[in-house]
Amino acid sequence: MNVSSIQAPSLRARLSRQFALQTMVGLSLVCGAVYLVISLTLSARQDDTLVKKRIAVQRLLKEGQEVHDIPGIKHLMSDFLAGHDDLSLVVRQENRAAVFEKDDPKRPDSMSKRLSFPVQLPTELGGAGQAELIYDVSKDESLLSRLWWTLLTASILGTFAVSATGFVLVKRGLAPLNALARRTSELDASRLDQRLDAAGQPEEVQSLLLQFNALLDRLQVAYRQMGAFNADVAHELNNPLSILIGSCEVALRRPRSAAELHDTLSSNLEELRRIATIVADMLFLSSAERGTPARRSFPMSIADLAAEVADFHEFVLEEAELRVEVRGDARAAVDAGLVRRAMSNLLSNASRYATRGSLIEVRIARVDPRHVSIGVHNQGPVIPAEHLPRLFDRFYRVDPSRTNADRNHGLGLSIVAAIARMHGGTAIAESTDQGTYIRFTLEDPGASDAKAVAAPAASGRPS
């Protein structure tokens, strides 16, 4: 049998069974307690009756000393037992001769309780004697038997009645979930703007609806971003592909010299490299989103890595008349290649938007024993607050006109955020009149007791 074909019992069936079982156990305990209490009460009453009658018999035989013969004792005891059909009495002398006897020899021992005790007989009859009281408990046993069957019947019938009622109540109680299931089945990818109404729903269902609506919000944002991402990918790849196609068509219209073909192939190679860069960056982001961790090495100076990145961008910085200073330092076990790439992306982004002739600062600090912060600060146009949370989205640009799209395909800051996540950190962007500051944090689990080595602000490290 296919395991997937085995259907789990419904919530209504499980709740009904559990409710029935709980009812049966509860009624059984209550009925058992009632039977036990009544049985103990009857037994205590029987014992108390025997004790009281024993005292009465002893008192009668002790105080009735004017009775000197057996007929007188029989008469005295018969008067005492008058009206007590459930009691029997046997009085014997020391030689075991019966002086008085009222007993039913047909009564089984299980239906009677017996109590033996010494009595004082007249001197003429020997003085000392022995008496035995027999209490007939058959009526009490019959009462307990009827009570047992009554409680058993009540327990079974009560269980069925409460279970049936519980089944109906459970069905009514789960009605909101059934309505929710019907509403949920109406949702699809084309109607993610709809939300489930939590008004009038039970408290437990309301919390579920709130979480479900929050999930729909996230799905709607994800679908919107996916649509924008697909459009951005198509746009980014369409430009170089159009250039390649157009260049090849022009080159094939008439015979070309070797020099002209060389120039055409060089131009096409540049566009192919651009496409390869976009594809490589997208593959890297895909790998990072799958949770690929960073390959950490031994602890190293982050400031040294920043200086290497600044030296690499020296020519671009000189063209823009920009200066770079590395402020602060921290040693951490990180993936040096990935950290260089992240800082290079930040420095490249800052050099494009920094005010000409201004200072770009690479700030490094240990924010706590396990985290290091690396950021780039530059002077330039203020980025509106509504754009800051989306700076790390793929292909996102503050400028919708896509200026410089041929040199910047919009994945740099996305890669920075991905590298931060691979190191257990996050990426944050801030922009004020004082400048734009984009930073990311890295987790350094192997150096929880390390301290940041901060350089004085006045003695920054120039590129």
Protein backbone atom coordinates (compact mmCIF):
# COMPACT_ATOMS: atom_id res chain seq x y z
CA MET A 1 0.00 0.00 0.00
CA ASN A 2 1.29 3.45 -0.88
CA VAL A 3 2.14 5.39 2.27
CA SER A 4 0.93 8.63 0.71
CA SER A 5 -2.52 7.08 0.18
CA ILE A 6 -3.02 6.57 3.93
CA GLN A 7 -5.07 9.54 5.01
CA ALA A 8 -4.60 10.86 8.53
CA PRO A 9 -7.78 11.15 10.63
CA SER A 10 -9.48 14.51 10.52
CA LEU A 11 -9.16 16.98 13.35
CA ARG A 12 -12.89 16.61 14.04
CA ALA A 13 -12.58 12.83 14.39
CA ARG A 14 -9.54 13.09 16.66
CA LEU A 15 -11.15 15.71 18.89
CA SER A 16 -14.39 13.71 19.07
CA ARG A 17 -12.55 10.51 20.03
CA GLN A 18 -10.50 12.30 22.64
CA PHE A 19 -13.61 14.00 24.00
CA ALA A 20 -15.43 10.63 24.19
CA LEU A 21 -12.47 8.97 25.91
CA GLN A 22 -12.19 11.81 28.39
CA THR A 23 -15.91 11.64 29.10
CA MET A 24 -15.80 7.86 29.62
CA VAL A 25 -12.84 8.14 32.00
CA GLY A 26 -14.45 11.03 33.89
CA LEU A 27 -17.82 9.32 34.31
CA SER A 28 -16.14 6.04 35.30
CA LEU A 29 -14.15 7.80 37.99
CA VAL A 30 -17.23 9.61 39.30
CA CYS A 31 -19.37 6.45 39.31
CA GLY A 32 -16.58 4.45 40.92
CA ALA A 33 -16.17 7.10 43.61
CA VAL A 34 -19.94 7.11 44.29
CA TYR A 35 -20.03 3.31 44.57
CA LEU A 36 -16.98 3.24 46.85
CA VAL A 37 -18.33 5.94 49.16
CA ILE A 38 -21.74 4.27 49.52
CA SER A 39 -20.13 0.84 50.04
CA LEU A 40 -17.86 2.19 52.78
CA THR A 41 -20.78 4.05 54.36
CA LEU A 42 -22.92 0.90 54.50
CA SER A 43 -20.03 -1.14 55.93
CA ALA A 44 -19.38 1.47 58.60
CA ARG A 45 -23.08 1.54 59.47
CA GLN A 46 -23.11 -2.26 59.82
CA ASP A 47 -20.07 -2.22 62.10
CA ASP A 48 -21.55 0.58 64.17
CA THR A 49 -24.85 -1.31 64.53
CA LEU A 50 -23.05 -4.46 65.72
CA VAL A 51 -21.06 -2.49 68.30
CA LYS A 52 -24.16 -0.75 69.66
CA LYS A 53 -26.12 -4.01 69.87
CA ARG A 54 -23.20 -5.73 71.60
CA ILE A 55 -23.20 -3.02 74.27
CA ALA A 56 -26.97 -3.35 74.66
CA VAL A 57 -26.80 -7.15 75.03
CA GLN A 58 -24.05 -6.96 77.63
CA ARG A 59 -25.96 -4.33 79.58
CA LEU A 60 -29.21 -6.33 79.52
CA LEU A 61 -27.55 -9.56 80.73
CA LYS A 62 -25.59 -7.73 83.37
CA GLU A 63 -28.47 -5.66 84.74
CA GLY A 64 -31.14 -8.42 84.39
CA GLN A 65 -29.80 -10.51 87.29
CA GLU A 66 -33.37 -11.23 88.51
CA VAL A 67 -33.61 -13.63 85.58
CA HIS A 68 -32.25 -16.98 86.88
CA ASP A 69 -33.32 -19.50 84.28
CA ILE A 70 -32.96 -20.12 80.55
CA PRO A 71 -36.63 -19.35 79.68
CA GLY A 72 -36.24 -15.94 81.29
CA ILE A 73 -33.08 -15.19 79.26
CA LYS A 74 -34.79 -16.34 76.08
CA HIS A 75 -37.71 -14.06 76.80
CA LEU A 76 -35.41 -11.13 77.56
CA MET A 77 -33.40 -11.61 74.35
CA SER A 78 -36.51 -12.14 72.24
CA ASP A 79 -37.88 -8.81 73.47
CA PHE A 80 -34.53 -7.20 72.66
CA LEU A 81 -34.50 -8.57 69.10
CA ALA A 82 -38.12 -7.72 68.40
CA GLY A 83 -38.32 -5.56 65.26
CA HIS A 84 -34.72 -6.32 64.22
CA ASP A 85 -35.18 -8.88 61.48
CA ASP A 86 -31.68 -8.29 60.17
CA LEU A 87 -30.12 -9.30 63.54
CA SER A 88 -29.55 -12.75 65.02
CA LEU A 89 -28.08 -13.70 68.40
CA VAL A 90 -26.53 -16.80 69.95
CA VAL A 91 -25.77 -16.94 73.74
CA ARG A 92 -23.76 -19.88 75.10
CA GLN A 93 -22.47 -20.98 78.46
CA GLU A 94 -18.84 -21.75 79.05
CA ASN A 95 -19.50 -25.44 78.31
CA ARG A 96 -20.76 -24.24 74.90
CA ALA A 97 -24.37 -25.09 75.67
CA ALA A 98 -26.68 -22.71 73.84
CA VAL A 99 -28.77 -20.65 76.28
CA PHE A 100 -30.43 -18.60 73.54
CA GLU A 101 -30.24 -18.94 69.79
CA LYS A 102 -31.87 -16.96 66.99
CA ASP A 103 -30.03 -17.62 63.73
CA ASP A 104 -30.75 -18.52 60.13
CA PRO A 105 -28.54 -21.47 59.24
CA LYS A 106 -29.34 -21.05 55.55
CA ARG A 107 -27.70 -17.60 55.33
CA PRO A 108 -24.24 -17.78 53.65
CA ASP A 109 -21.31 -16.21 55.46
CA SER A 110 -20.81 -13.70 52.61
CA MET A 111 -24.22 -12.24 53.42
CA SER A 112 -23.62 -11.74 57.14
CA LYS A 113 -21.29 -10.06 59.61
CA ARG A 114 -20.55 -11.69 62.95
CA LEU A 115 -19.32 -10.22 66.22
CA SER A 116 -18.38 -12.44 69.24
CA PHE A 117 -18.06 -11.01 72.75
CA PRO A 118 -18.19 -12.21 76.41
CA VAL A 119 -21.36 -11.76 78.52
CA GLN A 120 -22.29 -12.12 82.20
CA LEU A 121 -24.89 -14.86 82.83
CA PRO A 122 -26.69 -15.58 86.12
CA THR A 123 -24.67 -17.56 88.66
CA GLU A 124 -27.09 -20.45 88.37
CA LEU A 125 -26.15 -20.79 84.69
CA GLY A 126 -22.45 -20.69 85.26
CA GLY A 127 -21.75 -16.92 85.43
CA ALA A 128 -19.59 -16.33 82.37
CA GLY A 129 -20.83 -16.85 78.83
CA GLN A 130 -20.17 -16.07 75.19
CA ALA A 131 -22.47 -14.29 72.76
CA GLU A 132 -22.36 -13.79 68.99
CA LEU A 133 -24.29 -11.20 66.99
CA ILE A 134 -25.02 -11.92 63.32
CA TYR A 135 -25.95 -8.96 61.06
CA ASP A 136 -27.80 -9.79 57.82
CA VAL A 137 -26.18 -7.67 55.04
CA SER A 138 -28.10 -9.18 52.14
CA LYS A 139 -30.25 -6.08 51.76
CA ASP A 140 -27.19 -3.85 51.64
CA GLU A 141 -25.52 -6.16 49.14
CA SER A 142 -28.61 -6.12 47.00
CA LEU A 143 -28.63 -2.32 47.17
CA LEU A 144 -24.95 -2.18 46.15
CA SER A 145 -25.61 -4.58 43.28
CA ARG A 146 -28.44 -2.42 41.94
CA LEU A 147 -26.31 0.67 42.43
CA TRP A 148 -23.42 -0.94 40.51
CA TRP A 149 -25.54 -1.75 37.48
CA THR A 150 -27.24 1.65 37.62
CA LEU A 151 -23.90 3.50 37.67
CA LEU A 152 -22.50 1.29 34.90
CA THR A 153 -25.52 1.93 32.69
CA ALA A 154 -25.41 5.64 33.44
CA SER A 155 -21.70 5.75 32.62
CA ILE A 156 -22.14 4.02 29.25
CA LEU A 157 -25.23 5.99 28.25
CA GLY A 158 -23.68 9.23 29.50
CA THR A 159 -20.55 8.57 27.48
CA PHE A 160 -22.56 8.02 24.31
CA ALA A 161 -24.76 11.05 24.94
CA VAL A 162 -21.88 13.41 25.76
CA SER A 163 -19.80 12.04 22.85
CA ALA A 164 -22.62 12.63 20.39
CA THR A 165 -23.12 16.13 21.74
CA GLY A 166 -19.37 16.74 21.66
CA PHE A 167 -19.18 15.61 18.04
CA VAL A 168 -21.79 18.21 17.11
CA LEU A 169 -20.06 20.92 19.17
CA VAL A 170 -16.66 20.09 17.67
CA LYS A 171 -18.16 20.27 14.18
CA ARG A 172 -19.63 23.67 14.94
CA GLY A 173 -16.42 24.84 16.58
CA LEU A 174 -14.36 23.89 13.52
CA ALA A 175 -16.74 25.61 11.12
CA PRO A 176 -14.51 28.75 10.98
CA LEU A 177 -11.60 26.57 9.86
CA ASN A 178 -13.71 25.05 7.10
CA ALA A 179 -14.74 28.52 5.96
CA LEU A 180 -11.09 29.57 6.09
CA ALA A 181 -10.13 26.59 3.93
CA ARG A 182 -12.74 27.57 1.35
CA ARG A 183 -11.50 31.17 1.32
CA THR A 184 -7.91 30.02 1.04
CA SER A 185 -8.70 27.77 -1.93
CA GLU A 186 -9.91 30.86 -3.82
CA LEU A 187 -6.47 32.49 -3.61
CA ASP A 188 -3.90 32.09 -6.36
CA ALA A 189 -0.85 33.88 -7.69
CA SER A 190 -3.01 36.33 -9.66
CA ARG A 191 -5.04 37.35 -6.57
CA LEU A 192 -2.37 37.85 -3.92
CA ASP A 193 -3.79 41.30 -3.14
CA GLN A 194 -6.72 39.67 -1.30
CA ARG A 195 -6.56 39.09 2.44
CA LEU A 196 -8.52 36.86 4.80
CA ASP A 197 -10.89 38.67 7.15
CA ALA A 198 -10.21 37.92 10.82
CA ALA A 199 -13.26 39.80 12.16
CA GLY A 200 -15.62 37.62 14.15
CA GLN A 201 -13.22 34.69 14.22
CA PRO A 202 -12.13 32.92 17.44
CA GLU A 203 -8.97 34.17 19.09
CA GLU A 204 -6.94 31.11 18.06
CA VAL A 205 -8.06 31.44 14.44
CA GLN A 206 -7.38 35.19 14.46
CA SER A 207 -3.70 34.66 15.25
CA LEU A 208 -3.53 32.10 12.42
CA LEU A 209 -5.20 34.52 10.01
CA LEU A 210 -2.83 37.34 10.96
CA GLN A 211 0.18 35.11 10.29
CA PHE A 212 -1.35 33.91 7.02
CA ASN A 213 -2.04 37.48 5.88
CA ALA A 214 1.53 38.42 6.77
CA LEU A 215 2.69 35.50 4.64
CA LEU A 216 0.55 36.77 1.78
CA ASP A 217 2.15 40.20 2.18
CA ARG A 218 5.60 38.64 1.89
CA LEU A 219 4.53 36.55 -1.10
CA GLN A 220 3.08 39.59 -2.82
CA VAL A 221 6.33 41.50 -2.32
CA ALA A 222 8.32 38.48 -3.52
CA TYR A 223 6.18 38.12 -6.65
CA ARG A 224 6.47 41.83 -7.35
CA GLN A 225 10.24 41.69 -6.91
CA MET A 226 10.40 38.56 -9.06
CA GLY A 227 8.53 40.31 -11.84
CA ALA A 228 10.78 43.35 -11.58
CA PHE A 229 13.83 41.10 -11.41
CA ASN A 230 12.86 39.28 -14.60
CA ALA A 231 12.32 42.60 -16.36
CA ASP A 232 15.67 43.88 -15.09
CA VAL A 233 17.49 40.72 -16.22
CA ALA A 234 15.89 40.97 -19.65
CA HIS A 235 16.85 44.64 -19.89
CA GLU A 236 20.44 44.11 -18.73
CA LEU A 237 21.01 41.22 -21.15
CA ASN A 238 19.07 42.80 -23.99
CA ASN A 239 21.44 45.76 -24.40
CA PRO A 240 24.68 43.81 -24.90
CA LEU A 241 22.91 41.19 -27.00
CA SER A 242 21.44 43.89 -29.23
CA ILE A 243 24.87 45.45 -29.60
CA LEU A 244 26.38 42.07 -30.50
CA ILE A 245 23.68 41.32 -33.05
CA GLY A 246 23.90 44.75 -34.59
CA SER A 247 27.69 44.64 -34.76
CA CYS A 248 27.66 41.25 -36.44
CA GLU A 249 25.02 42.34 -38.93
CA VAL A 250 27.00 45.42 -39.87
CA ALA A 251 30.21 43.40 -40.22
CA LEU A 252 28.49 40.89 -42.52
CA ARG A 253 26.93 43.40 -44.90
CA ARG A 254 30.11 43.73 -46.95
CA PRO A 255 33.61 42.34 -46.96
CA ARG A 256 35.78 43.71 -44.15
CA SER A 257 39.49 44.00 -43.72
CA ALA A 258 41.31 42.11 -41.04
CA ALA A 259 41.72 45.29 -38.99
CA GLU A 260 37.99 46.06 -39.15
CA LEU A 261 37.08 42.51 -38.19
CA HIS A 262 39.57 42.73 -35.34
CA ASP A 263 37.90 45.89 -34.04
CA THR A 264 34.45 44.29 -34.34
CA LEU A 265 35.53 41.16 -32.47
CA SER A 266 37.17 43.27 -29.75
CA SER A 267 33.96 45.24 -29.28
CA ASN A 268 31.90 42.03 -29.22
CA LEU A 269 34.31 40.48 -26.73
CA GLU A 270 33.80 43.42 -24.41
CA GLU A 271 30.01 42.95 -24.53
CA LEU A 272 30.39 39.20 -24.01
CA ARG A 273 32.52 39.85 -20.97
CA ARG A 274 29.82 42.15 -19.65
CA ILE A 275 27.23 39.39 -20.13
CA ALA A 276 29.57 36.89 -18.48
CA THR A 277 30.01 39.25 -15.52
CA ILE A 278 26.25 39.59 -15.08
CA VAL A 279 25.76 35.81 -15.27
CA ALA A 280 28.64 35.17 -12.85
CA ASP A 281 27.24 37.69 -10.36
CA MET A 282 23.80 36.13 -10.59
CA LEU A 283 25.25 32.66 -10.04
CA PHE A 284 27.11 33.97 -7.00
CA LEU A 285 23.94 35.51 -5.57
CA SER A 286 22.04 32.28 -6.19
CA SER A 287 24.71 30.31 -4.35
CA ALA A 288 24.67 32.77 -1.45
CA GLU A 289 20.87 32.59 -1.15
CA ARG A 290 21.09 28.80 -0.88
CA GLY A 291 22.99 29.31 2.36
CA THR A 292 26.55 28.70 1.19
CA PRO A 293 28.79 29.79 4.10
CA ALA A 294 31.99 31.79 3.74
CA ARG A 295 35.30 29.95 3.85
CA ARG A 296 37.07 31.58 6.75
CA SER A 297 40.83 31.73 7.04
CA PHE A 298 43.11 32.67 9.93
CA PRO A 299 42.50 36.07 11.63
CA MET A 300 43.80 38.92 9.49
CA SER A 301 43.83 42.69 9.49
CA ILE A 302 40.75 44.13 7.78
CA ALA A 303 42.57 47.45 7.32
CA ASP A 304 45.24 45.70 5.22
CA LEU A 305 42.52 44.26 2.98
CA ALA A 306 40.95 47.73 2.66
CA ALA A 307 44.33 49.21 1.69
CA GLU A 308 44.73 46.61 -1.04
CA VAL A 309 41.28 47.45 -2.41
CA ALA A 310 42.05 51.19 -2.32
CA ASP A 311 45.29 50.61 -4.24
CA PHE A 312 43.35 48.64 -6.86
CA HIS A 313 40.97 51.62 -7.38
CA GLU A 314 43.75 54.19 -7.35
CA PHE A 315 43.47 55.13 -11.04
CA VAL A 316 39.67 55.63 -10.89
CA LEU A 317 39.99 57.65 -7.70
CA GLU A 318 42.65 59.90 -9.20
CA GLU A 319 40.47 60.58 -12.22
CA ALA A 320 37.62 61.69 -9.93
CA GLU A 321 40.07 63.65 -7.70
CA LEU A 322 38.99 61.58 -4.70
CA ARG A 323 41.00 60.65 -1.65
CA VAL A 324 40.57 57.53 0.48
CA GLU A 325 41.36 57.06 4.14
CA VAL A 326 41.08 53.81 6.09
CA ARG A 327 40.03 54.53 9.66
CA GLY A 328 40.21 51.87 12.34
CA ASP A 329 41.16 48.22 12.17
CA ALA A 330 40.11 44.83 13.50
CA ARG A 331 41.46 41.34 13.13
CA ALA A 332 38.91 38.71 12.15
CA ALA A 333 38.73 35.26 10.57
CA VAL A 334 36.95 35.98 7.28
CA ASP A 335 36.97 34.97 3.63
CA ALA A 336 39.55 37.46 2.39
CA GLY A 337 38.47 37.24 -1.26
CA LEU A 338 34.81 37.88 -0.47
CA VAL A 339 35.57 40.75 1.91
CA ARG A 340 37.81 42.37 -0.71
CA ARG A 341 35.00 42.02 -3.25
CA ALA A 342 32.46 43.60 -0.90
CA MET A 343 34.75 46.54 -0.06
CA SER A 344 35.60 46.95 -3.76
CA ASN A 345 31.90 47.16 -4.63
CA LEU A 346 31.33 49.74 -1.89
CA LEU A 347 34.34 51.80 -2.96
CA SER A 348 33.32 51.62 -6.62
CA ASN A 349 29.78 52.71 -5.70
CA ALA A 350 31.11 55.60 -3.60
CA SER A 351 33.50 56.78 -6.33
CA ARG A 352 30.60 57.08 -8.81
CA TYR A 353 28.45 59.27 -6.57
CA ALA A 354 30.97 61.11 -4.36
CA THR A 355 31.43 64.85 -4.79
CA ARG A 356 34.49 65.55 -6.91
CA GLY A 357 37.55 66.34 -4.82
CA SER A 358 35.99 65.01 -1.56
CA LEU A 359 37.19 62.38 0.91
CA ILE A 360 35.99 58.79 1.00
CA GLU A 361 36.37 57.06 4.36
CA VAL A 362 36.62 53.31 4.88
CA ARG A 363 35.55 52.80 8.49
CA ILE A 364 36.42 49.57 10.32
CA ALA A 365 35.40 48.84 13.92
CA ARG A 366 34.56 45.93 16.18
CA VAL A 367 31.03 46.59 17.36
CA ASP A 368 31.11 43.73 19.89
CA PRO A 369 33.36 40.74 20.66
CA ARG A 370 31.78 38.70 17.86
CA HIS A 371 31.02 41.26 15.12
CA VAL A 372 33.09 43.58 12.95
CA SER A 373 31.63 46.52 11.03
CA ILE A 374 33.06 47.60 7.65
CA GLY A 375 31.62 50.62 5.87
CA VAL A 376 32.34 53.29 3.25
CA HIS A 377 31.32 56.93 3.77
CA ASN A 378 31.27 59.48 0.96
CA GLN A 379 30.05 63.03 0.38
CA GLY A 380 27.39 63.27 -2.30
CA PRO A 381 23.68 63.61 -3.08
CA VAL A 382 21.30 62.56 -0.32
CA ILE A 383 19.47 59.33 -1.09
CA PRO A 384 15.74 59.59 -0.22
CA ALA A 385 14.74 57.46 2.76
CA GLU A 386 12.26 55.38 0.75
CA HIS A 387 15.09 54.08 -1.45
CA LEU A 388 17.47 53.04 1.36
CA PRO A 389 15.84 49.67 2.21
CA ARG A 390 15.93 48.64 -1.46
CA LEU A 391 19.51 49.58 -2.29
CA PHE A 392 20.54 45.97 -1.75
CA ASP A 393 17.90 44.56 -4.14
CA ARG A 394 19.10 43.12 -7.43
CA PHE A 395 19.24 45.58 -10.34
CA TYR A 396 17.71 48.31 -8.19
CA ARG A 397 18.69 51.87 -9.05
CA VAL A 398 17.66 55.12 -7.41
CA ASP A 399 17.85 56.75 -10.85
CA PRO A 400 15.11 55.13 -12.99
CA SER A 401 16.77 56.44 -16.17
CA ARG A 402 19.57 53.86 -15.68
CA THR A 403 22.41 56.30 -16.19
CA ASN A 404 25.76 54.53 -16.69
CA ALA A 405 23.93 51.20 -17.14
CA ASP A 406 26.67 50.13 -19.55
CA ARG A 407 29.25 50.24 -16.74
CA ASN A 408 27.07 49.34 -13.76
CA HIS A 409 24.52 46.54 -13.95
CA GLY A 410 23.05 47.05 -10.45
CA LEU A 411 24.27 43.93 -8.62
CA GLY A 412 27.15 45.42 -6.62
CA LEU A 413 25.29 46.23 -3.40
CA SER A 414 23.28 42.97 -3.68
CA ILE A 415 26.60 41.11 -3.64
CA VAL A 416 27.69 43.14 -0.59
CA ALA A 417 24.54 42.07 1.29
CA ALA A 418 25.04 38.46 0.18
CA ILE A 419 28.66 38.43 1.42
CA ALA A 420 27.49 39.86 4.74
CA ARG A 421 24.90 37.07 5.08
CA MET A 422 27.53 34.45 4.22
CA HIS A 423 29.53 35.77 7.20
CA GLY A 424 26.48 35.81 9.50
CA GLY A 425 26.01 39.59 9.26
CA THR A 426 23.78 42.22 7.66
CA ALA A 427 24.09 45.24 5.36
CA ILE A 428 22.76 48.72 6.21
CA ALA A 429 22.57 51.99 4.26
CA GLU A 430 22.25 55.51 5.71
CA SER A 431 22.14 58.85 3.94
CA THR A 432 22.02 62.36 5.46
CA ASP A 433 23.32 65.82 4.73
CA GLN A 434 26.64 64.65 6.17
CA GLY A 435 26.99 62.02 3.46
CA THR A 436 26.04 58.47 2.52
CA TYR A 437 27.30 55.62 4.69
CA ILE A 438 26.88 52.02 3.52
CA ARG A 439 28.26 49.35 5.84
CA PHE A 440 28.02 45.64 6.51
CA THR A 441 28.79 43.52 9.55
CA LEU A 442 30.69 40.24 9.74
CA GLU A 443 30.47 37.62 12.47
CA ASP A 444 33.81 36.56 13.87
CA PRO A 445 33.08 33.56 16.11
CA GLY A 446 36.73 32.65 16.51
CA ALA A 447 37.75 35.95 18.08
CA SER A 448 35.18 36.64 20.76
CA ASP A 449 37.87 38.06 23.03
CA ALA A 450 39.55 40.17 20.37
CA LYS A 451 39.51 43.93 20.55
CA ALA A 452 39.33 46.40 17.72
CA VAL A 453 42.58 48.23 17.00
CA ALA A 454 41.32 51.68 16.13
CA ALA A 455 43.64 54.19 14.47
CA PRO A 456 43.37 57.87 15.46
CA ALA A 457 40.97 59.77 13.24
CA ALA A 458 43.57 62.43 12.44
CA SER A 459 46.12 59.91 11.21
CA GLY A 460 44.06 58.06 8.61
CA ARG A 461 45.72 55.70 6.14
CA PRO A 462 45.63 57.27 2.64
CA SER A 463 45.58 55.18 -0.48
